Amino acid sequence: SISRDDAENTMYLQMNNLKPEDTAVYYCNALLYATNYWG
């Protein structure tokens, strides 16, 4: 589940019932006026 807190300028990813296939590096992305920003 993805949520965002506009007061804190923060996005969250709540991950439940995780599986081995969820193993990965997770990246944050912001898409603004066709420009991608990455963490």
PDB file of all heavy atoms in Angstrom:
ATOM      1  N   SER A   1       0.846  -1.192   0.000  1.00  0.00           N
ATOM      2  CA  SER A   1       0.000   0.000   0.000  1.00  0.00           C
ATOM      3  C   SER A   1       0.881   1.242   0.000  1.00  0.00           C
ATOM      4  O   SER A   1       1.795   1.359   0.824  1.00  0.00           O
ATOM      5  CB  SER A   1      -0.903   0.003   1.228  1.00  0.00           C
ATOM      6  OG  SER A   1      -1.686   1.180   1.284  1.00  0.00           O
ATOM      7  N   ILE A   2       0.587   2.148  -0.930  1.00  0.00           N
ATOM      8  CA  ILE A   2       1.335   3.397  -1.024  1.00  0.00           C
ATOM      9  C   ILE A   2       0.479   4.530  -0.470  1.00  0.00           C
ATOM     10  O   ILE A   2      -0.722   4.612  -0.759  1.00  0.00           O
ATOM     11  CB  ILE A   2       1.708   3.711  -2.489  1.00  0.00           C
ATOM     12  CG1 ILE A   2       2.625   2.610  -3.043  1.00  0.00           C
ATOM     13  CG2 ILE A   2       2.402   5.067  -2.591  1.00  0.00           C
ATOM     14  CD1 ILE A   2       2.931   2.759  -4.525  1.00  0.00           C
ATOM     15  N   SER A   3       1.112   5.389   0.306  1.00  0.00           N
ATOM     16  CA  SER A   3       0.418   6.565   0.839  1.00  0.00           C
ATOM     17  C   SER A   3       1.376   7.753   0.793  1.00  0.00           C
ATOM     18  O   SER A   3       2.584   7.583   0.603  1.00  0.00           O
ATOM     19  CB  SER A   3      -0.066   6.314   2.267  1.00  0.00           C
ATOM     20  OG  SER A   3       1.016   6.012   3.128  1.00  0.00           O
ATOM     21  N   ARG A   4       0.815   8.937   0.963  1.00  0.00           N
ATOM     22  CA  ARG A   4       1.658  10.131   0.973  1.00  0.00           C
ATOM     23  C   ARG A   4       1.169  11.084   2.049  1.00  0.00           C
ATOM     24  O   ARG A   4      -0.037  11.211   2.275  1.00  0.00           O
ATOM     25  CB  ARG A   4       1.684  10.814  -0.388  1.00  0.00           C
ATOM     26  CG  ARG A   4       0.356  11.267  -0.932  1.00  0.00           C
ATOM     27  CD  ARG A   4       0.466  11.698  -2.411  1.00  0.00           C
ATOM     28  NE  ARG A   4       1.324  12.870  -2.585  1.00  0.00           N
ATOM     29  CZ  ARG A   4       1.860  13.217  -3.752  1.00  0.00           C
ATOM     30  NH1 ARG A   4       1.642  12.484  -4.833  1.00  0.00           N
ATOM     31  NH2 ARG A   4       2.603  14.313  -3.837  1.00  0.00           N
ATOM     32  N   ASP A   5       2.128  11.722   2.702  1.00  0.00           N
ATOM     33  CA  ASP A   5       1.844  12.717   3.730  1.00  0.00           C
ATOM     34  C   ASP A   5       2.307  14.059   3.179  1.00  0.00           C
ATOM     35  O   ASP A   5       3.505  14.356   3.181  1.00  0.00           O
ATOM     36  CB  ASP A   5       2.588  12.354   5.022  1.00  0.00           C
ATOM     37  CG  ASP A   5       2.252  13.300   6.172  1.00  0.00           C
ATOM     38  OD1 ASP A   5       1.883  14.460   5.909  1.00  0.00           O
ATOM     39  OD2 ASP A   5       2.385  12.868   7.325  1.00  0.00           O
ATOM     40  N   ASP A   6       1.360  14.851   2.719  1.00  0.00           N
ATOM     41  CA  ASP A   6       1.716  16.111   2.087  1.00  0.00           C
ATOM     42  C   ASP A   6       2.294  17.118   3.073  1.00  0.00           C
ATOM     43  O   ASP A   6       3.056  18.003   2.689  1.00  0.00           O
ATOM     44  CB  ASP A   6       0.493  16.697   1.382  1.00  0.00           C
ATOM     45  CG  ASP A   6       0.054  15.865   0.184  1.00  0.00           C
ATOM     46  OD1 ASP A   6       0.883  15.091  -0.326  1.00  0.00           O
ATOM     47  OD2 ASP A   6      -1.115  15.969  -0.227  1.00  0.00           O
ATOM     48  N   ALA A   7       1.942  16.995   4.336  1.00  0.00           N
ATOM     49  CA  ALA A   7       2.496  17.905   5.338  1.00  0.00           C
ATOM     50  C   ALA A   7       3.972  17.636   5.594  1.00  0.00           C
ATOM     51  O   ALA A   7       4.741  18.548   5.924  1.00  0.00           O
ATOM     52  CB  ALA A   7       1.708  17.795   6.641  1.00  0.00           C
ATOM     53  N   GLU A   8       4.354  16.352   5.431  1.00  0.00           N
ATOM     54  CA  GLU A   8       5.739  15.963   5.688  1.00  0.00           C
ATOM     55  C   GLU A   8       6.536  15.751   4.412  1.00  0.00           C
ATOM     56  O   GLU A   8       7.720  15.415   4.472  1.00  0.00           O
ATOM     57  CB  GLU A   8       5.764  14.670   6.524  1.00  0.00           C
ATOM     58  CG  GLU A   8       5.139  14.812   7.897  1.00  0.00           C
ATOM     59  CD  GLU A   8       5.930  15.742   8.798  1.00  0.00           C
ATOM     60  OE1 GLU A   8       7.174  15.835   8.627  1.00  0.00           O
ATOM     61  OE2 GLU A   8       5.311  16.392   9.661  1.00  0.00           O
ATOM     62  N   ASN A   9       5.881  15.941   3.254  1.00  0.00           N
ATOM     63  CA  ASN A   9       6.559  15.717   1.962  1.00  0.00           C
ATOM     64  C   ASN A   9       7.193  14.330   1.900  1.00  0.00           C
ATOM     65  O   ASN A   9       8.354  14.164   1.470  1.00  0.00           O
ATOM     66  CB  ASN A   9       7.614  16.804   1.716  1.00  0.00           C
ATOM     67  CG  ASN A   9       7.020  18.181   1.751  1.00  0.00           C
ATOM     68  OD1 ASN A   9       5.961  18.431   1.147  1.00  0.00           O
ATOM     69  ND2 ASN A   9       7.663  19.074   2.482  1.00  0.00           N
ATOM     70  N   THR A  10       6.442  13.360   2.350  1.00  0.00           N
ATOM     71  CA  THR A  10       6.949  11.992   2.456  1.00  0.00           C
ATOM     72  C   THR A  10       5.944  10.997   1.877  1.00  0.00           C
ATOM     73  O   THR A  10       4.740  11.140   2.086  1.00  0.00           O
ATOM     74  CB  THR A  10       7.245  11.643   3.921  1.00  0.00           C
ATOM     75  OG1 THR A  10       8.219  12.550   4.443  1.00  0.00           O
ATOM     76  CG2 THR A  10       7.785  10.223   4.050  1.00  0.00           C
ATOM     77  N   MET A  11       6.477  10.035   1.164  1.00  0.00           N
ATOM     78  CA  MET A  11       5.676   8.942   0.628  1.00  0.00           C
ATOM     79  C   MET A  11       6.071   7.661   1.360  1.00  0.00           C
ATOM     80  O   MET A  11       7.231   7.505   1.760  1.00  0.00           O
ATOM     81  CB  MET A  11       5.936   8.779  -0.871  1.00  0.00           C
ATOM     82  CG  MET A  11       5.258   7.572  -1.490  1.00  0.00           C
ATOM     83  SD  MET A  11       5.597   7.373  -3.238  1.00  0.00           S
ATOM     84  CE  MET A  11       7.367   7.166  -3.281  1.00  0.00           C
ATOM     85  N   TYR A  12       5.098   6.774   1.506  1.00  0.00           N
ATOM     86  CA  TYR A  12       5.346   5.521   2.206  1.00  0.00           C
ATOM     87  C   TYR A  12       4.963   4.328   1.335  1.00  0.00           C
ATOM     88  O   TYR A  12       4.077   4.417   0.482  1.00  0.00           O
ATOM     89  CB  TYR A  12       4.533   5.461   3.502  1.00  0.00           C
ATOM     90  CG  TYR A  12       4.840   6.583   4.451  1.00  0.00           C
ATOM     91  CD1 TYR A  12       4.026   7.710   4.518  1.00  0.00           C
ATOM     92  CD2 TYR A  12       5.960   6.518   5.280  1.00  0.00           C
ATOM     93  CE1 TYR A  12       4.312   8.745   5.384  1.00  0.00           C
ATOM     94  CE2 TYR A  12       6.251   7.559   6.149  1.00  0.00           C
ATOM     95  CZ  TYR A  12       5.436   8.669   6.193  1.00  0.00           C
ATOM     96  OH  TYR A  12       5.724   9.702   7.047  1.00  0.00           O
ATOM     97  N   LEU A  13       5.634   3.224   1.596  1.00  0.00           N
ATOM     98  CA  LEU A  13       5.258   1.942   0.988  1.00  0.00           C
ATOM     99  C   LEU A  13       5.139   0.933   2.119  1.00  0.00           C
ATOM    100  O   LEU A  13       6.153   0.521   2.698  1.00  0.00           O
ATOM    101  CB  LEU A  13       6.300   1.486  -0.033  1.00  0.00           C
ATOM    102  CG  LEU A  13       6.053   0.112  -0.661  1.00  0.00           C
ATOM    103  CD1 LEU A  13       4.754   0.123  -1.468  1.00  0.00           C
ATOM    104  CD2 LEU A  13       7.225  -0.310  -1.552  1.00  0.00           C
ATOM    105  N   GLN A  14       3.918   0.586   2.442  1.00  0.00           N
ATOM    106  CA  GLN A  14       3.677  -0.448   3.449  1.00  0.00           C
ATOM    107  C   GLN A  14       3.634  -1.801   2.748  1.00  0.00           C
ATOM    108  O   GLN A  14       2.831  -2.007   1.826  1.00  0.00           O
ATOM    109  CB  GLN A  14       2.347  -0.194   4.177  1.00  0.00           C
ATOM    110  CG  GLN A  14       1.986  -1.265   5.186  1.00  0.00           C
ATOM    111  CD  GLN A  14       2.938  -1.297   6.370  1.00  0.00           C
ATOM    112  OE1 GLN A  14       3.288  -0.245   6.910  1.00  0.00           O
ATOM    113  NE2 GLN A  14       3.360  -2.493   6.780  1.00  0.00           N
ATOM    114  N   MET A  15       4.514  -2.683   3.143  1.00  0.00           N
ATOM    115  CA  MET A  15       4.622  -3.991   2.513  1.00  0.00           C
ATOM    116  C   MET A  15       4.293  -5.072   3.532  1.00  0.00           C
ATOM    117  O   MET A  15       4.980  -5.187   4.552  1.00  0.00           O
ATOM    118  CB  MET A  15       6.042  -4.200   1.971  1.00  0.00           C
ATOM    119  CG  MET A  15       6.482  -3.123   0.994  1.00  0.00           C
ATOM    120  SD  MET A  15       8.084  -3.460   0.240  1.00  0.00           S
ATOM    121  CE  MET A  15       9.146  -3.278   1.674  1.00  0.00           C
ATOM    122  N   ASN A  16       3.250  -5.822   3.260  1.00  0.00           N
ATOM    123  CA  ASN A  16       2.814  -6.906   4.147  1.00  0.00           C
ATOM    124  C   ASN A  16       2.925  -8.246   3.432  1.00  0.00           C
ATOM    125  O   ASN A  16       2.979  -8.301   2.194  1.00  0.00           O
ATOM    126  CB  ASN A  16       1.366  -6.677   4.583  1.00  0.00           C
ATOM    127  CG  ASN A  16       1.181  -5.389   5.355  1.00  0.00           C
ATOM    128  OD1 ASN A  16       2.050  -4.973   6.123  1.00  0.00           O
ATOM    129  ND2 ASN A  16       0.039  -4.755   5.166  1.00  0.00           N
ATOM    130  N   ASN A  17       2.937  -9.292   4.215  1.00  0.00           N
ATOM    131  CA  ASN A  17       3.021 -10.654   3.665  1.00  0.00           C
ATOM    132  C   ASN A  17       4.137 -10.755   2.618  1.00  0.00           C
ATOM    133  O   ASN A  17       3.922 -11.228   1.499  1.00  0.00           O
ATOM    134  CB  ASN A  17       1.677 -11.060   3.051  1.00  0.00           C
ATOM    135  CG  ASN A  17       1.614 -12.520   2.686  1.00  0.00           C
ATOM    136  OD1 ASN A  17       2.370 -13.341   3.208  1.00  0.00           O
ATOM    137  ND2 ASN A  17       0.727 -12.859   1.765  1.00  0.00           N
ATOM    138  N   LEU A  18       5.295 -10.311   3.005  1.00  0.00           N
ATOM    139  CA  LEU A  18       6.416 -10.277   2.065  1.00  0.00           C
ATOM    140  C   LEU A  18       6.840 -11.683   1.653  1.00  0.00           C
ATOM    141  O   LEU A  18       6.785 -12.627   2.454  1.00  0.00           O
ATOM    142  CB  LEU A  18       7.589  -9.524   2.680  1.00  0.00           C
ATOM    143  CG  LEU A  18       7.439  -7.995   2.629  1.00  0.00           C
ATOM    144  CD1 LEU A  18       8.315  -7.324   3.668  1.00  0.00           C
ATOM    145  CD2 LEU A  18       7.770  -7.492   1.229  1.00  0.00           C
ATOM    146  N   LYS A  19       7.272 -11.781   0.406  1.00  0.00           N
ATOM    147  CA  LYS A  19       7.694 -13.042  -0.180  1.00  0.00           C
ATOM    148  C   LYS A  19       9.146 -12.926  -0.628  1.00  0.00           C
ATOM    149  O   LYS A  19       9.625 -11.825  -0.905  1.00  0.00           O
ATOM    150  CB  LYS A  19       6.805 -13.374  -1.386  1.00  0.00           C
ATOM    151  CG  LYS A  19       5.328 -13.430  -1.059  1.00  0.00           C
ATOM    152  CD  LYS A  19       4.501 -13.686  -2.311  1.00  0.00           C
ATOM    153  CE  LYS A  19       3.010 -13.738  -1.973  1.00  0.00           C
ATOM    154  NZ  LYS A  19       2.185 -14.003  -3.171  1.00  0.00           N
ATOM    155  N   PRO A  20       9.836 -14.058  -0.737  1.00  0.00           N
ATOM    156  CA  PRO A  20      11.236 -13.990  -1.192  1.00  0.00           C
ATOM    157  C   PRO A  20      11.380 -13.263  -2.528  1.00  0.00           C
ATOM    158  O   PRO A  20      12.390 -12.569  -2.739  1.00  0.00           O
ATOM    159  CB  PRO A  20      11.617 -15.461  -1.310  1.00  0.00           C
ATOM    160  CG  PRO A  20      10.769 -16.136  -0.281  1.00  0.00           C
ATOM    161  CD  PRO A  20       9.454 -15.405  -0.314  1.00  0.00           C
ATOM    162  N   GLU A  21      10.387 -13.372  -3.393  1.00  0.00           N
ATOM    163  CA  GLU A  21      10.482 -12.705  -4.699  1.00  0.00           C
ATOM    164  C   GLU A  21      10.332 -11.186  -4.603  1.00  0.00           C
ATOM    165  O   GLU A  21      10.496 -10.486  -5.603  1.00  0.00           O
ATOM    166  CB  GLU A  21       9.451 -13.274  -5.675  1.00  0.00           C
ATOM    167  CG  GLU A  21       8.030 -13.309  -5.155  1.00  0.00           C
ATOM    168  CD  GLU A  21       7.654 -14.674  -4.575  1.00  0.00           C
ATOM    169  OE1 GLU A  21       8.501 -15.289  -3.870  1.00  0.00           O
ATOM    170  OE2 GLU A  21       6.510 -15.109  -4.820  1.00  0.00           O
ATOM    171  N   ASP A  22      10.010 -10.675  -3.429  1.00  0.00           N
ATOM    172  CA  ASP A  22       9.988  -9.226  -3.221  1.00  0.00           C
ATOM    173  C   ASP A  22      11.379  -8.672  -2.913  1.00  0.00           C
ATOM    174  O   ASP A  22      11.545  -7.447  -2.815  1.00  0.00           O
ATOM    175  CB  ASP A  22       9.044  -8.859  -2.067  1.00  0.00           C
ATOM    176  CG  ASP A  22       7.604  -9.201  -2.345  1.00  0.00           C
ATOM    177  OD1 ASP A  22       7.126  -8.950  -3.472  1.00  0.00           O
ATOM    178  OD2 ASP A  22       6.937  -9.751  -1.433  1.00  0.00           O
ATOM    179  N   THR A  23      12.345  -9.556  -2.761  1.00  0.00           N
ATOM    180  CA  THR A  23      13.715  -9.119  -2.510  1.00  0.00           C
ATOM    181  C   THR A  23      14.206  -8.245  -3.658  1.00  0.00           C
ATOM    182  O   THR A  23      14.162  -8.652  -4.822  1.00  0.00           O
ATOM    183  CB  THR A  23      14.641 -10.327  -2.345  1.00  0.00           C
ATOM    184  OG1 THR A  23      14.269 -11.036  -1.154  1.00  0.00           O
ATOM    185  CG2 THR A  23      16.096  -9.898  -2.251  1.00  0.00           C
ATOM    186  N   ALA A  24      14.658  -7.040  -3.325  1.00  0.00           N
ATOM    187  CA  ALA A  24      15.069  -6.085  -4.352  1.00  0.00           C
ATOM    188  C   ALA A  24      15.603  -4.832  -3.686  1.00  0.00           C
ATOM    189  O   ALA A  24      15.429  -4.635  -2.475  1.00  0.00           O
ATOM    190  CB  ALA A  24      13.891  -5.721  -5.252  1.00  0.00           C
ATOM    191  N   VAL A  25      16.205  -3.997  -4.500  1.00  0.00           N
ATOM    192  CA  VAL A  25      16.466  -2.626  -4.084  1.00  0.00           C
ATOM    193  C   VAL A  25      15.249  -1.806  -4.518  1.00  0.00           C
ATOM    194  O   VAL A  25      14.853  -1.862  -5.686  1.00  0.00           O
ATOM    195  CB  VAL A  25      17.745  -2.069  -4.716  1.00  0.00           C
ATOM    196  CG1 VAL A  25      17.948  -0.611  -4.306  1.00  0.00           C
ATOM    197  CG2 VAL A  25      18.952  -2.912  -4.294  1.00  0.00           C
ATOM    198  N   TYR A  26      14.680  -1.087  -3.576  1.00  0.00           N
ATOM    199  CA  TYR A  26      13.488  -0.298  -3.830  1.00  0.00           C
ATOM    200  C   TYR A  26      13.870   1.174  -4.001  1.00  0.00           C
ATOM    201  O   TYR A  26      14.581   1.745  -3.163  1.00  0.00           O
ATOM    202  CB  TYR A  26      12.491  -0.474  -2.686  1.00  0.00           C
ATOM    203  CG  TYR A  26      11.781  -1.801  -2.752  1.00  0.00           C
ATOM    204  CD1 TYR A  26      12.449  -2.993  -2.465  1.00  0.00           C
ATOM    205  CD2 TYR A  26      10.443  -1.884  -3.127  1.00  0.00           C
ATOM    206  CE1 TYR A  26      11.802  -4.214  -2.551  1.00  0.00           C
ATOM    207  CE2 TYR A  26       9.780  -3.094  -3.211  1.00  0.00           C
ATOM    208  CZ  TYR A  26      10.472  -4.256  -2.919  1.00  0.00           C
ATOM    209  OH  TYR A  26       9.830  -5.474  -3.014  1.00  0.00           O
ATOM    210  N   TYR A  27      13.368   1.749  -5.088  1.00  0.00           N
ATOM    211  CA  TYR A  27      13.698   3.122  -5.437  1.00  0.00           C
ATOM    212  C   TYR A  27      12.457   4.010  -5.386  1.00  0.00           C
ATOM    213  O   TYR A  27      11.394   3.639  -5.886  1.00  0.00           O
ATOM    214  CB  TYR A  27      14.285   3.194  -6.844  1.00  0.00           C
ATOM    215  CG  TYR A  27      15.586   2.465  -7.008  1.00  0.00           C
ATOM    216  CD1 TYR A  27      15.615   1.133  -7.405  1.00  0.00           C
ATOM    217  CD2 TYR A  27      16.800   3.126  -6.783  1.00  0.00           C
ATOM    218  CE1 TYR A  27      16.819   0.465  -7.566  1.00  0.00           C
ATOM    219  CE2 TYR A  27      17.999   2.461  -6.944  1.00  0.00           C
ATOM    220  CZ  TYR A  27      18.000   1.136  -7.338  1.00  0.00           C
ATOM    221  OH  TYR A  27      19.192   0.473  -7.485  1.00  0.00           O
ATOM    222  N   CYS A  28      12.644   5.179  -4.850  1.00  0.00           N
ATOM    223  CA  CYS A  28      11.615   6.211  -4.862  1.00  0.00           C
ATOM    224  C   CYS A  28      11.720   7.001  -6.165  1.00  0.00           C
ATOM    225  O   CYS A  28      12.831   7.278  -6.644  1.00  0.00           O
ATOM    226  CB  CYS A  28      11.830   7.135  -3.659  1.00  0.00           C
ATOM    227  SG  CYS A  28      10.723   8.552  -3.576  1.00  0.00           S
ATOM    228  N   ASN A  29      10.579   7.342  -6.727  1.00  0.00           N
ATOM    229  CA  ASN A  29      10.538   8.089  -7.987  1.00  0.00           C
ATOM    230  C   ASN A  29       9.535   9.224  -7.879  1.00  0.00           C
ATOM    231  O   ASN A  29       8.460   9.060  -7.305  1.00  0.00           O
ATOM    232  CB  ASN A  29      10.148   7.145  -9.123  1.00  0.00           C
ATOM    233  CG  ASN A  29       9.866   7.870 -10.423  1.00  0.00           C
ATOM    234  OD1 ASN A  29       8.728   8.196 -10.727  1.00  0.00           O
ATOM    235  ND2 ASN A  29      10.902   8.116 -11.193  1.00  0.00           N
ATOM    236  N   ALA A  30       9.907  10.347  -8.459  1.00  0.00           N
ATOM    237  CA  ALA A  30       8.978  11.475  -8.591  1.00  0.00           C
ATOM    238  C   ALA A  30       8.901  11.835 -10.065  1.00  0.00           C
ATOM    239  O   ALA A  30       9.928  12.051 -10.710  1.00  0.00           O
ATOM    240  CB  ALA A  30       9.458  12.665  -7.772  1.00  0.00           C
ATOM    241  N   LEU A  31       7.692  11.861 -10.595  1.00  0.00           N
ATOM    242  CA  LEU A  31       7.470  12.209 -11.998  1.00  0.00           C
ATOM    243  C   LEU A  31       6.794  13.574 -12.048  1.00  0.00           C
ATOM    244  O   LEU A  31       5.651  13.731 -11.597  1.00  0.00           O
ATOM    245  CB  LEU A  31       6.587  11.164 -12.674  1.00  0.00           C
ATOM    246  CG  LEU A  31       6.212  11.435 -14.135  1.00  0.00           C
ATOM    247  CD1 LEU A  31       7.457  11.527 -14.999  1.00  0.00           C
ATOM    248  CD2 LEU A  31       5.266  10.353 -14.645  1.00  0.00           C
ATOM    249  N   LEU A  32       7.501  14.543 -12.595  1.00  0.00           N
ATOM    250  CA  LEU A  32       7.015  15.924 -12.623  1.00  0.00           C
ATOM    251  C   LEU A  32       7.317  16.533 -13.973  1.00  0.00           C
ATOM    252  O   LEU A  32       8.484  16.622 -14.351  1.00  0.00           O
ATOM    253  CB  LEU A  32       7.681  16.727 -11.501  1.00  0.00           C
ATOM    254  CG  LEU A  32       7.278  18.194 -11.388  1.00  0.00           C
ATOM    255  CD1 LEU A  32       5.783  18.309 -11.083  1.00  0.00           C
ATOM    256  CD2 LEU A  32       8.099  18.891 -10.314  1.00  0.00           C
ATOM    257  N   TYR A  33       6.274  16.884 -14.706  1.00  0.00           N
ATOM    258  CA  TYR A  33       6.418  17.513 -16.024  1.00  0.00           C
ATOM    259  C   TYR A  33       7.351  16.698 -16.917  1.00  0.00           C
ATOM    260  O   TYR A  33       8.255  17.238 -17.550  1.00  0.00           O
ATOM    261  CB  TYR A  33       6.954  18.932 -15.900  1.00  0.00           C
ATOM    262  CG  TYR A  33       6.131  19.806 -14.988  1.00  0.00           C
ATOM    263  CD1 TYR A  33       6.743  20.601 -14.029  1.00  0.00           C
ATOM    264  CD2 TYR A  33       4.745  19.828 -15.063  1.00  0.00           C
ATOM    265  CE1 TYR A  33       6.005  21.411 -13.183  1.00  0.00           C
ATOM    266  CE2 TYR A  33       3.998  20.619 -14.211  1.00  0.00           C
ATOM    267  CZ  TYR A  33       4.635  21.416 -13.277  1.00  0.00           C
ATOM    268  OH  TYR A  33       3.899  22.200 -12.432  1.00  0.00           O
ATOM    269  N   ALA A  34       7.119  15.392 -16.950  1.00  0.00           N
ATOM    270  CA  ALA A  34       7.846  14.447 -17.797  1.00  0.00           C
ATOM    271  C   ALA A  34       9.303  14.268 -17.376  1.00  0.00           C
ATOM    272  O   ALA A  34      10.080  13.632 -18.094  1.00  0.00           O
ATOM    273  CB  ALA A  34       7.796  14.856 -19.268  1.00  0.00           C
ATOM    274  N   THR A  35       9.688  14.775 -16.229  1.00  0.00           N
ATOM    275  CA  THR A  35      11.033  14.569 -15.700  1.00  0.00           C
ATOM    276  C   THR A  35      10.959  13.596 -14.524  1.00  0.00           C
ATOM    277  O   THR A  35      10.123  13.764 -13.641  1.00  0.00           O
ATOM    278  CB  THR A  35      11.666  15.882 -15.241  1.00  0.00           C
ATOM    279  OG1 THR A  35      11.781  16.759 -16.364  1.00  0.00           O
ATOM    280  CG2 THR A  35      13.048  15.641 -14.645  1.00  0.00           C
ATOM    281  N   ASN A  36      11.834  12.606 -14.556  1.00  0.00           N
ATOM    282  CA  ASN A  36      11.909  11.630 -13.475  1.00  0.00           C
ATOM    283  C   ASN A  36      13.040  11.978 -12.519  1.00  0.00           C
ATOM    284  O   ASN A  36      14.163  12.262 -12.949  1.00  0.00           O
ATOM    285  CB  ASN A  36      12.156  10.231 -14.042  1.00  0.00           C
ATOM    286  CG  ASN A  36      10.892   9.595 -14.575  1.00  0.00           C
ATOM    287  OD1 ASN A  36       9.995   9.233 -13.822  1.00  0.00           O
ATOM    288  ND2 ASN A  36      10.810   9.484 -15.889  1.00  0.00           N
ATOM    289  N   TYR A  37      12.728  11.933 -11.248  1.00  0.00           N
ATOM    290  CA  TYR A  37      13.720  12.102 -10.195  1.00  0.00           C
ATOM    291  C   TYR A  37      13.776  10.794  -9.408  1.00  0.00           C
ATOM    292  O   TYR A  37      12.743  10.154  -9.177  1.00  0.00           O
ATOM    293  CB  TYR A  37      13.341  13.262  -9.273  1.00  0.00           C
ATOM    294  CG  TYR A  37      13.200  14.578  -9.989  1.00  0.00           C
ATOM    295  CD1 TYR A  37      11.965  14.994 -10.489  1.00  0.00           C
ATOM    296  CD2 TYR A  37      14.296  15.412 -10.179  1.00  0.00           C
ATOM    297  CE1 TYR A  37      11.830  16.192 -11.155  1.00  0.00           C
ATOM    298  CE2 TYR A  37      14.166  16.620 -10.840  1.00  0.00           C
ATOM    299  CZ  TYR A  37      12.940  17.000 -11.329  1.00  0.00           C
ATOM    300  OH  TYR A  37      12.817  18.198 -11.989  1.00  0.00           O
ATOM    301  N   TRP A  38      14.998  10.436  -8.987  1.00  0.00           N
ATOM    302  CA  TRP A  38      15.198   9.142  -8.331  1.00  0.00           C
ATOM    303  C   TRP A  38      15.952   9.270  -7.024  1.00  0.00           C
ATOM    304  O   TRP A  38      16.821  10.135  -6.868  1.00  0.00           O
ATOM    305  CB  TRP A  38      16.008   8.214  -9.243  1.00  0.00           C
ATOM    306  CG  TRP A  38      15.319   7.863 -10.520  1.00  0.00           C
ATOM    307  CD1 TRP A  38      15.452   8.478 -11.723  1.00  0.00           C
ATOM    308  CD2 TRP A  38      14.389   6.785 -10.714  1.00  0.00           C
ATOM    309  NE1 TRP A  38      14.659   7.853 -12.661  1.00  0.00           N
ATOM    310  CE2 TRP A  38      13.991   6.812 -12.064  1.00  0.00           C
ATOM    311  CE3 TRP A  38      13.854   5.810  -9.881  1.00  0.00           C
ATOM    312  CZ2 TRP A  38      13.095   5.904 -12.608  1.00  0.00           C
ATOM    313  CZ3 TRP A  38      12.960   4.903 -10.417  1.00  0.00           C
ATOM    314  CH2 TRP A  38      12.588   4.956 -11.760  1.00  0.00           C
ATOM    315  N   GLY A  39      15.632   8.359  -6.111  1.00  0.00           N
ATOM    316  CA  GLY A  39      16.454   8.186  -4.937  1.00  0.00           C
ATOM    317  C   GLY A  39      17.538   7.166  -5.214  1.00  0.00           C
ATOM    318  O   GLY A  39      17.602   6.582  -6.303  1.00  0.00           O
TER     319      GLY A  39
END
